[in-house]
């Protein structure tokens, strides 16, 4: 198991700072993954947000069956993105 104290000592930073920076790096990586998936879905349907996706489905421009899973995935990803951005903001503040 990794010993945080020894890593912090080796890097000449406090354990708290090591943990904080590690959390920031993890959250930033997660945010990039989420943003990438959001971009993929938006590009797939040629939309800029979830509301446009919904309108296209309602107008029959795309099949509701095709958009159904991606609609809910996009909604969840957007919520997750907001949560991570708030967490990053709190770590930076």
PDB file of N, CA and C in Angstrom:
ATOM      1  N   UNK A   1       0.836  -1.176   0.000  1.00  0.00           N
ATOM      2  CA  UNK A   1       0.000   0.000   0.000  1.00  0.00           C
ATOM      3  C   UNK A   1       0.888   1.250   0.000  1.00  0.00           C
ATOM      4  N   UNK A   2       0.438   2.272  -0.682  1.00  0.00           N
ATOM      5  CA  UNK A   2       1.178   3.518  -0.796  1.00  0.00           C
ATOM      6  C   UNK A   2       1.114   4.276   0.522  1.00  0.00           C
ATOM      7  N   UNK A   3       2.241   4.787   0.931  1.00  0.00           N
ATOM      8  CA  UNK A   3       2.312   5.554   2.158  1.00  0.00           C
ATOM      9  C   UNK A   3       2.353   7.037   1.800  1.00  0.00           C
ATOM     10  N   UNK A   4       1.265   7.730   2.070  1.00  0.00           N
ATOM     11  CA  UNK A   4       1.125   9.141   1.708  1.00  0.00           C
ATOM     12  C   UNK A   4       2.202   9.980   2.392  1.00  0.00           C
ATOM     13  N   UNK A   5       2.478   9.680   3.640  1.00  0.00           N
ATOM     14  CA  UNK A   5       3.474  10.459   4.385  1.00  0.00           C
ATOM     15  C   UNK A   5       4.837  10.391   3.719  1.00  0.00           C
ATOM     16  N   UNK A   6       5.246   9.199   3.296  1.00  0.00           N
ATOM     17  CA  UNK A   6       6.575   9.073   2.679  1.00  0.00           C
ATOM     18  C   UNK A   6       6.628   9.740   1.301  1.00  0.00           C
ATOM     19  N   UNK A   7       5.535   9.687   0.559  1.00  0.00           N
ATOM     20  CA  UNK A   7       5.498  10.359  -0.748  1.00  0.00           C
ATOM     21  C   UNK A   7       5.548  11.873  -0.552  1.00  0.00           C
ATOM     22  N   UNK A   8       4.771  12.376   0.396  1.00  0.00           N
ATOM     23  CA  UNK A   8       4.772  13.811   0.680  1.00  0.00           C
ATOM     24  C   UNK A   8       6.159  14.270   1.105  1.00  0.00           C
ATOM     25  N   UNK A   9       6.797  13.488   1.939  1.00  0.00           N
ATOM     26  CA  UNK A   9       8.148  13.833   2.390  1.00  0.00           C
ATOM     27  C   UNK A   9       9.116  13.842   1.208  1.00  0.00           C
ATOM     28  N   UNK A  10       9.026  12.852   0.366  1.00  0.00           N
ATOM     29  CA  UNK A  10       9.900  12.756  -0.814  1.00  0.00           C
ATOM     30  C   UNK A  10       9.699  13.952  -1.749  1.00  0.00           C
ATOM     31  N   UNK A  11       8.461  14.430  -1.849  1.00  0.00           N
ATOM     32  CA  UNK A  11       8.148  15.562  -2.719  1.00  0.00           C
ATOM     33  C   UNK A  11       8.271  16.912  -2.013  1.00  0.00           C
ATOM     34  N   UNK A  12       8.597  16.873  -0.746  1.00  0.00           N
ATOM     35  CA  UNK A  12       8.769  18.078   0.080  1.00  0.00           C
ATOM     36  C   UNK A  12       7.506  18.942   0.126  1.00  0.00           C
ATOM     37  N   UNK A  13       6.362  18.260   0.283  1.00  0.00           N
ATOM     38  CA  UNK A  13       5.094  18.972   0.467  1.00  0.00           C
ATOM     39  C   UNK A  13       4.355  18.316   1.623  1.00  0.00           C
ATOM     40  N   UNK A  14       3.366  19.022   2.145  1.00  0.00           N
ATOM     41  CA  UNK A  14       2.587  18.456   3.253  1.00  0.00           C
ATOM     42  C   UNK A  14       1.660  17.358   2.726  1.00  0.00           C
ATOM     43  N   UNK A  15       1.270  16.487   3.630  1.00  0.00           N
ATOM     44  CA  UNK A  15       0.327  15.429   3.256  1.00  0.00           C
ATOM     45  C   UNK A  15      -0.980  16.032   2.761  1.00  0.00           C
ATOM     46  N   UNK A  16      -1.440  17.081   3.431  1.00  0.00           N
ATOM     47  CA  UNK A  16      -2.685  17.732   3.016  1.00  0.00           C
ATOM     48  C   UNK A  16      -2.572  18.282   1.594  1.00  0.00           C
ATOM     49  N   UNK A  17      -1.442  18.906   1.296  1.00  0.00           N
ATOM     50  CA  UNK A  17      -1.245  19.459  -0.049  1.00  0.00           C
ATOM     51  C   UNK A  17      -1.179  18.343  -1.087  1.00  0.00           C
ATOM     52  N   UNK A  18      -0.523  17.239  -0.757  1.00  0.00           N
ATOM     53  CA  UNK A  18      -0.457  16.095  -1.664  1.00  0.00           C
ATOM     54  C   UNK A  18      -1.846  15.534  -1.937  1.00  0.00           C
ATOM     55  N   UNK A  19      -2.636  15.400  -0.903  1.00  0.00           N
ATOM     56  CA  UNK A  19      -4.001  14.888  -1.056  1.00  0.00           C
ATOM     57  C   UNK A  19      -4.835  15.846  -1.889  1.00  0.00           C
ATOM     58  N   UNK A  20      -4.743  17.139  -1.589  1.00  0.00           N
ATOM     59  CA  UNK A  20      -5.503  18.150  -2.322  1.00  0.00           C
ATOM     60  C   UNK A  20      -5.135  18.136  -3.805  1.00  0.00           C
ATOM     61  N   UNK A  21      -3.840  18.131  -4.093  1.00  0.00           N
ATOM     62  CA  UNK A  21      -3.391  18.135  -5.492  1.00  0.00           C
ATOM     63  C   UNK A  21      -3.766  16.838  -6.204  1.00  0.00           C
ATOM     64  N   UNK A  22      -3.736  15.739  -5.479  1.00  0.00           N
ATOM     65  CA  UNK A  22      -4.135  14.447  -6.060  1.00  0.00           C
ATOM     66  C   UNK A  22      -5.623  14.441  -6.395  1.00  0.00           C
ATOM     67  N   UNK A  23      -6.422  14.978  -5.501  1.00  0.00           N
ATOM     68  CA  UNK A  23      -7.860  15.073  -5.749  1.00  0.00           C
ATOM     69  C   UNK A  23      -8.146  15.964  -6.947  1.00  0.00           C
ATOM     70  N   UNK A  24      -7.451  17.101  -7.028  1.00  0.00           N
ATOM     71  CA  UNK A  24      -7.638  17.998  -8.162  1.00  0.00           C
ATOM     72  C   UNK A  24      -7.289  17.297  -9.473  1.00  0.00           C
ATOM     73  N   UNK A  25      -6.172  16.581  -9.488  1.00  0.00           N
ATOM     74  CA  UNK A  25      -5.760  15.879 -10.707  1.00  0.00           C
ATOM     75  C   UNK A  25      -6.784  14.819 -11.099  1.00  0.00           C
ATOM     76  N   UNK A  26      -7.278  14.072 -10.115  1.00  0.00           N
ATOM     77  CA  UNK A  26      -8.285  13.053 -10.387  1.00  0.00           C
ATOM     78  C   UNK A  26      -9.561  13.675 -10.952  1.00  0.00           C
ATOM     79  N   UNK A  27     -10.026  14.739 -10.308  1.00  0.00           N
ATOM     80  CA  UNK A  27     -11.256  15.391 -10.755  1.00  0.00           C
ATOM     81  C   UNK A  27     -11.086  16.018 -12.139  1.00  0.00           C
ATOM     82  N   UNK A  28      -9.930  16.595 -12.407  1.00  0.00           N
ATOM     83  CA  UNK A  28      -9.671  17.169 -13.728  1.00  0.00           C
ATOM     84  C   UNK A  28      -9.671  16.086 -14.807  1.00  0.00           C
ATOM     85  N   UNK A  29      -9.073  14.937 -14.514  1.00  0.00           N
ATOM     86  CA  UNK A  29      -9.094  13.815 -15.466  1.00  0.00           C
ATOM     87  C   UNK A  29     -10.516  13.327 -15.704  1.00  0.00           C
ATOM     88  N   UNK A  30     -11.274  13.214 -14.628  1.00  0.00           N
ATOM     89  CA  UNK A  30     -12.668  12.771 -14.731  1.00  0.00           C
ATOM     90  C   UNK A  30     -13.483  13.762 -15.554  1.00  0.00           C
ATOM     91  N   UNK A  31     -13.240  15.057 -15.337  1.00  0.00           N
ATOM     92  CA  UNK A  31     -13.939  16.101 -16.071  1.00  0.00           C
ATOM     93  C   UNK A  31     -13.640  16.010 -17.566  1.00  0.00           C
ATOM     94  N   UNK A  32     -12.400  15.742 -17.907  1.00  0.00           N
ATOM     95  CA  UNK A  32     -12.030  15.594 -19.313  1.00  0.00           C
ATOM     96  C   UNK A  32     -12.761  14.408 -19.940  1.00  0.00           C
ATOM     97  N   UNK A  33     -12.841  13.298 -19.225  1.00  0.00           N
ATOM     98  CA  UNK A  33     -13.578  12.123 -19.724  1.00  0.00           C
ATOM     99  C   UNK A  33     -15.045  12.464 -19.970  1.00  0.00           C
ATOM    100  N   UNK A  34     -15.648  13.130 -19.011  1.00  0.00           N
ATOM    101  CA  UNK A  34     -17.064  13.490 -19.108  1.00  0.00           C
ATOM    102  C   UNK A  34     -17.299  14.462 -20.258  1.00  0.00           C
ATOM    103  N   UNK A  35     -16.467  15.486 -20.356  1.00  0.00           N
ATOM    104  CA  UNK A  35     -16.610  16.462 -21.432  1.00  0.00           C
ATOM    105  C   UNK A  35     -16.423  15.814 -22.800  1.00  0.00           C
ATOM    106  N   UNK A  36     -15.537  14.848 -22.878  1.00  0.00           N
ATOM    107  CA  UNK A  36     -15.311  14.125 -24.124  1.00  0.00           C
ATOM    108  C   UNK A  36     -16.556  13.336 -24.538  1.00  0.00           C
ATOM    109  N   UNK A  37     -17.183  12.676 -23.583  1.00  0.00           N
ATOM    110  CA  UNK A  37     -18.399  11.915 -23.858  1.00  0.00           C
ATOM    111  C   UNK A  37     -19.562  12.843 -24.214  1.00  0.00           C
ATOM    112  N   UNK A  38     -19.658  13.970 -23.526  1.00  0.00           N
ATOM    113  CA  UNK A  38     -20.683  14.963 -23.849  1.00  0.00           C
ATOM    114  C   UNK A  38     -20.495  15.452 -25.278  1.00  0.00           C
ATOM    115  N   UNK A  39     -19.271  15.763 -25.640  1.00  0.00           N
ATOM    116  CA  UNK A  39     -18.960  16.227 -26.992  1.00  0.00           C
ATOM    117  C   UNK A  39     -19.352  15.175 -28.035  1.00  0.00           C
ATOM    118  N   UNK A  40     -19.047  13.909 -27.733  1.00  0.00           N
ATOM    119  CA  UNK A  40     -19.370  12.822 -28.665  1.00  0.00           C
ATOM    120  C   UNK A  40     -20.873  12.742 -28.928  1.00  0.00           C
ATOM    121  N   UNK A  41     -21.657  12.829 -27.883  1.00  0.00           N
ATOM    122  CA  UNK A  41     -23.114  12.745 -28.020  1.00  0.00           C
ATOM    123  C   UNK A  41     -23.652  13.951 -28.788  1.00  0.00           C
ATOM    124  N   UNK A  42     -23.198  15.140 -28.429  1.00  0.00           N
ATOM    125  CA  UNK A  42     -23.661  16.351 -29.109  1.00  0.00           C
ATOM    126  C   UNK A  42     -23.305  16.315 -30.591  1.00  0.00           C
ATOM    127  N   UNK A  43     -22.104  15.858 -30.883  1.00  0.00           N
ATOM    128  CA  UNK A  43     -21.671  15.776 -32.279  1.00  0.00           C
ATOM    129  C   UNK A  43     -22.495  14.729 -33.042  1.00  0.00           C
ATOM    130  N   UNK A  44     -22.756  13.633 -32.406  1.00  0.00           N
ATOM    131  CA  UNK A  44     -23.533  12.549 -33.024  1.00  0.00           C
ATOM    132  C   UNK A  44     -24.883  13.050 -33.535  1.00  0.00           C
ATOM    133  N   UNK A  45     -25.510  13.935 -32.755  1.00  0.00           N
ATOM    134  CA  UNK A  45     -26.845  14.422 -33.109  1.00  0.00           C
ATOM    135  C   UNK A  45     -26.841  15.842 -33.664  1.00  0.00           C
ATOM    136  N   UNK A  46     -25.675  16.458 -33.729  1.00  0.00           N
ATOM    137  CA  UNK A  46     -25.587  17.815 -34.263  1.00  0.00           C
ATOM    138  C   UNK A  46     -26.302  18.840 -33.402  1.00  0.00           C
ATOM    139  N   UNK A  47     -26.129  18.723 -32.091  1.00  0.00           N
ATOM    140  CA  UNK A  47     -26.781  19.637 -31.158  1.00  0.00           C
ATOM    141  C   UNK A  47     -25.734  20.283 -30.253  1.00  0.00           C
ATOM    142  N   UNK A  48     -26.148  21.363 -29.594  1.00  0.00           N
ATOM    143  CA  UNK A  48     -25.238  22.022 -28.660  1.00  0.00           C
ATOM    144  C   UNK A  48     -25.644  21.814 -27.203  1.00  0.00           C
ATOM    145  N   UNK A  49     -26.867  21.287 -27.009  1.00  0.00           N
ATOM    146  CA  UNK A  49     -27.309  21.012 -25.640  1.00  0.00           C
ATOM    147  C   UNK A  49     -28.435  19.980 -25.642  1.00  0.00           C
ATOM    148  N   UNK A  50     -28.832  19.592 -24.458  1.00  0.00           N
ATOM    149  CA  UNK A  50     -29.847  18.544 -24.303  1.00  0.00           C
ATOM    150  C   UNK A  50     -31.217  18.998 -24.811  1.00  0.00           C
ATOM    151  N   UNK A  51     -31.476  20.300 -24.730  1.00  0.00           N
ATOM    152  CA  UNK A  51     -32.772  20.821 -25.174  1.00  0.00           C
ATOM    153  C   UNK A  51     -32.913  20.698 -26.690  1.00  0.00           C
ATOM    154  N   UNK A  52     -31.818  20.955 -27.399  1.00  0.00           N
ATOM    155  CA  UNK A  52     -31.845  20.784 -28.855  1.00  0.00           C
ATOM    156  C   UNK A  52     -32.053  19.320 -29.221  1.00  0.00           C
ATOM    157  N   UNK A  53     -31.438  18.442 -28.469  1.00  0.00           N
ATOM    158  CA  UNK A  53     -31.615  17.008 -28.719  1.00  0.00           C
ATOM    159  C   UNK A  53     -33.083  16.627 -28.534  1.00  0.00           C
ATOM    160  N   UNK A  54     -33.683  17.125 -27.478  1.00  0.00           N
ATOM    161  CA  UNK A  54     -35.094  16.855 -27.220  1.00  0.00           C
ATOM    162  C   UNK A  54     -35.971  17.402 -28.342  1.00  0.00           C
ATOM    163  N   UNK A  55     -35.704  18.625 -28.784  1.00  0.00           N
ATOM    164  CA  UNK A  55     -36.496  19.235 -29.857  1.00  0.00           C
ATOM    165  C   UNK A  55     -36.378  18.440 -31.153  1.00  0.00           C
ATOM    166  N   UNK A  56     -35.166  17.995 -31.475  1.00  0.00           N
ATOM    167  CA  UNK A  56     -34.981  17.204 -32.698  1.00  0.00           C
ATOM    168  C   UNK A  56     -35.773  15.906 -32.630  1.00  0.00           C
ATOM    169  N   UNK A  57     -35.807  15.303 -31.463  1.00  0.00           N
ATOM    170  CA  UNK A  57     -36.568  14.061 -31.298  1.00  0.00           C
ATOM    171  C   UNK A  57     -38.061  14.340 -31.407  1.00  0.00           C
ATOM    172  N   UNK A  58     -38.514  15.426 -30.796  1.00  0.00           N
ATOM    173  CA  UNK A  58     -39.939  15.787 -30.858  1.00  0.00           C
ATOM    174  C   UNK A  58     -40.383  16.104 -32.279  1.00  0.00           C
ATOM    175  N   UNK A  59     -39.524  16.754 -33.048  1.00  0.00           N
ATOM    176  CA  UNK A  59     -39.841  17.122 -34.433  1.00  0.00           C
ATOM    177  C   UNK A  59     -39.680  15.951 -35.400  1.00  0.00           C
ATOM    178  N   UNK A  60     -39.133  14.851 -34.914  1.00  0.00           N
ATOM    179  CA  UNK A  60     -38.936  13.692 -35.769  1.00  0.00           C
ATOM    180  C   UNK A  60     -37.688  13.774 -36.627  1.00  0.00           C
ATOM    181  N   UNK A  61     -36.802  14.738 -36.335  1.00  0.00           N
ATOM    182  CA  UNK A  61     -35.561  14.868 -37.091  1.00  0.00           C
ATOM    183  C   UNK A  61     -34.606  13.726 -36.779  1.00  0.00           C
ATOM    184  N   UNK A  62     -34.744  13.179 -35.604  1.00  0.00           N
ATOM    185  CA  UNK A  62     -34.024  11.958 -35.219  1.00  0.00           C
ATOM    186  C   UNK A  62     -35.029  11.050 -34.530  1.00  0.00           C
ATOM    187  N   UNK A  63     -34.796   9.767 -34.609  1.00  0.00           N
ATOM    188  CA  UNK A  63     -35.761   8.852 -33.995  1.00  0.00           C
ATOM    189  C   UNK A  63     -35.623   8.887 -32.479  1.00  0.00           C
ATOM    190  N   UNK A  64     -36.764   8.851 -31.812  1.00  0.00           N
ATOM    191  CA  UNK A  64     -36.746   8.865 -30.356  1.00  0.00           C
ATOM    192  C   UNK A  64     -36.021   7.648 -29.811  1.00  0.00           C
ATOM    193  N   UNK A  65     -36.162   6.515 -30.499  1.00  0.00           N
ATOM    194  CA  UNK A  65     -35.467   5.307 -30.055  1.00  0.00           C
ATOM    195  C   UNK A  65     -33.957   5.498 -30.096  1.00  0.00           C
ATOM    196  N   UNK A  66     -33.494   6.149 -31.157  1.00  0.00           N
ATOM    197  CA  UNK A  66     -32.065   6.382 -31.318  1.00  0.00           C
ATOM    198  C   UNK A  66     -31.538   7.337 -30.249  1.00  0.00           C
ATOM    199  N   UNK A  67     -32.315   8.327 -29.897  1.00  0.00           N
ATOM    200  CA  UNK A  67     -31.865   9.367 -28.975  1.00  0.00           C
ATOM    201  C   UNK A  67     -32.162   9.050 -27.510  1.00  0.00           C
ATOM    202  N   UNK A  68     -33.029   8.078 -27.249  1.00  0.00           N
ATOM    203  CA  UNK A  68     -33.506   7.818 -25.896  1.00  0.00           C
ATOM    204  C   UNK A  68     -32.374   7.614 -24.893  1.00  0.00           C
ATOM    205  N   UNK A  69     -31.504   6.648 -25.142  1.00  0.00           N
ATOM    206  CA  UNK A  69     -30.415   6.348 -24.208  1.00  0.00           C
ATOM    207  C   UNK A  69     -29.439   7.513 -24.108  1.00  0.00           C
ATOM    208  N   UNK A  70     -29.098   8.091 -25.260  1.00  0.00           N
ATOM    209  CA  UNK A  70     -28.148   9.196 -25.260  1.00  0.00           C
ATOM    210  C   UNK A  70     -28.706  10.429 -24.561  1.00  0.00           C
ATOM    211  N   UNK A  71     -30.003  10.638 -24.643  1.00  0.00           N
ATOM    212  CA  UNK A  71     -30.630  11.769 -23.957  1.00  0.00           C
ATOM    213  C   UNK A  71     -30.398  11.667 -22.446  1.00  0.00           C
ATOM    214  N   UNK A  72     -30.683  10.510 -21.892  1.00  0.00           N
ATOM    215  CA  UNK A  72     -30.523  10.330 -20.454  1.00  0.00           C
ATOM    216  C   UNK A  72     -29.056  10.296 -20.057  1.00  0.00           C
ATOM    217  N   UNK A  73     -28.215   9.720 -20.910  1.00  0.00           N
ATOM    218  CA  UNK A  73     -26.782   9.724 -20.652  1.00  0.00           C
ATOM    219  C   UNK A  73     -26.257  11.157 -20.639  1.00  0.00           C
ATOM    220  N   UNK A  74     -26.657  11.951 -21.627  1.00  0.00           N
ATOM    221  CA  UNK A  74     -26.226  13.342 -21.703  1.00  0.00           C
ATOM    222  C   UNK A  74     -26.697  14.121 -20.472  1.00  0.00           C
ATOM    223  N   UNK A  75     -27.922  13.900 -20.067  1.00  0.00           N
ATOM    224  CA  UNK A  75     -28.460  14.563 -18.882  1.00  0.00           C
ATOM    225  C   UNK A  75     -27.626  14.215 -17.648  1.00  0.00           C
ATOM    226  N   UNK A  76     -27.318  12.941 -17.473  1.00  0.00           N
ATOM    227  CA  UNK A  76     -26.517  12.503 -16.327  1.00  0.00           C
ATOM    228  C   UNK A  76     -25.090  13.050 -16.398  1.00  0.00           C
ATOM    229  N   UNK A  77     -24.517  13.060 -17.591  1.00  0.00           N
ATOM    230  CA  UNK A  77     -23.162  13.577 -17.757  1.00  0.00           C
ATOM    231  C   UNK A  77     -23.090  15.069 -17.446  1.00  0.00           C
ATOM    232  N   UNK A  78     -24.097  15.806 -17.879  1.00  0.00           N
ATOM    233  CA  UNK A  78     -24.129  17.244 -17.597  1.00  0.00           C
ATOM    234  C   UNK A  78     -24.209  17.488 -16.087  1.00  0.00           C
ATOM    235  N   UNK A  79     -25.014  16.700 -15.390  1.00  0.00           N
ATOM    236  CA  UNK A  79     -25.132  16.835 -13.937  1.00  0.00           C
ATOM    237  C   UNK A  79     -23.815  16.472 -13.255  1.00  0.00           C
ATOM    238  N   UNK A  80     -23.184  15.416 -13.723  1.00  0.00           N
ATOM    239  CA  UNK A  80     -21.896  14.992 -13.164  1.00  0.00           C
ATOM    240  C   UNK A  80     -20.823  16.055 -13.417  1.00  0.00           C
ATOM    241  N   UNK A  81     -20.866  16.652 -14.589  1.00  0.00           N
ATOM    242  CA  UNK A  81     -19.908  17.711 -14.942  1.00  0.00           C
ATOM    243  C   UNK A  81     -20.051  18.886 -13.975  1.00  0.00           C
ATOM    244  N   UNK A  82     -21.280  19.313 -13.726  1.00  0.00           N
ATOM    245  CA  UNK A  82     -21.531  20.414 -12.791  1.00  0.00           C
ATOM    246  C   UNK A  82     -21.006  20.090 -11.395  1.00  0.00           C
ATOM    247  N   UNK A  83     -21.249  18.866 -10.957  1.00  0.00           N
ATOM    248  CA  UNK A  83     -20.816  18.449  -9.625  1.00  0.00           C
ATOM    249  C   UNK A  83     -19.283  18.494  -9.527  1.00  0.00           C
ATOM    250  N   UNK A  84     -18.617  17.985 -10.531  1.00  0.00           N
ATOM    251  CA  UNK A  84     -17.152  17.973 -10.517  1.00  0.00           C
ATOM    252  C   UNK A  84     -16.593  19.390 -10.590  1.00  0.00           C
ATOM    253  N   UNK A  85     -17.208  20.242 -11.405  1.00  0.00           N
ATOM    254  CA  UNK A  85     -16.755  21.632 -11.493  1.00  0.00           C
ATOM    255  C   UNK A  85     -16.883  22.337 -10.144  1.00  0.00           C
ATOM    256  N   UNK A  86     -17.957  22.075  -9.425  1.00  0.00           N
ATOM    257  CA  UNK A  86     -18.137  22.671  -8.096  1.00  0.00           C
ATOM    258  C   UNK A  86     -17.095  22.142  -7.114  1.00  0.00           C
ATOM    259  N   UNK A  87     -16.803  20.854  -7.193  1.00  0.00           N
ATOM    260  CA  UNK A  87     -15.787  20.279  -6.325  1.00  0.00           C
ATOM    261  C   UNK A  87     -14.414  20.871  -6.616  1.00  0.00           C
ATOM    262  N   UNK A  88     -14.097  21.027  -7.890  1.00  0.00           N
ATOM    263  CA  UNK A  88     -12.824  21.641  -8.263  1.00  0.00           C
ATOM    264  C   UNK A  88     -12.749  23.089  -7.783  1.00  0.00           C
ATOM    265  N   UNK A  89     -13.856  23.780  -7.914  1.00  0.00           N
ATOM    266  CA  UNK A  89     -13.912  25.171  -7.460  1.00  0.00           C
ATOM    267  C   UNK A  89     -13.653  25.248  -5.956  1.00  0.00           C
ATOM    268  N   UNK A  90     -14.233  24.321  -5.207  1.00  0.00           N
ATOM    269  CA  UNK A  90     -14.027  24.334  -3.757  1.00  0.00           C
ATOM    270  C   UNK A  90     -12.586  23.981  -3.395  1.00  0.00           C
ATOM    271  N   UNK A  91     -11.950  23.128  -4.176  1.00  0.00           N
ATOM    272  CA  UNK A  91     -10.543  22.796  -3.923  1.00  0.00           C
ATOM    273  C   UNK A  91      -9.613  23.948  -4.272  1.00  0.00           C
ATOM    274  N   UNK A  92      -9.997  24.711  -5.269  1.00  0.00           N
ATOM    275  CA  UNK A  92      -9.170  25.843  -5.700  1.00  0.00           C
ATOM    276  C   UNK A  92      -9.374  27.077  -4.845  1.00  0.00           C
ATOM    277  N   UNK A  93     -10.517  27.130  -4.175  1.00  0.00           N
ATOM    278  CA  UNK A  93     -10.879  28.329  -3.410  1.00  0.00           C
ATOM    279  C   UNK A  93     -10.405  28.345  -2.027  1.00  0.00           C
TER     280      UNK A  93
END
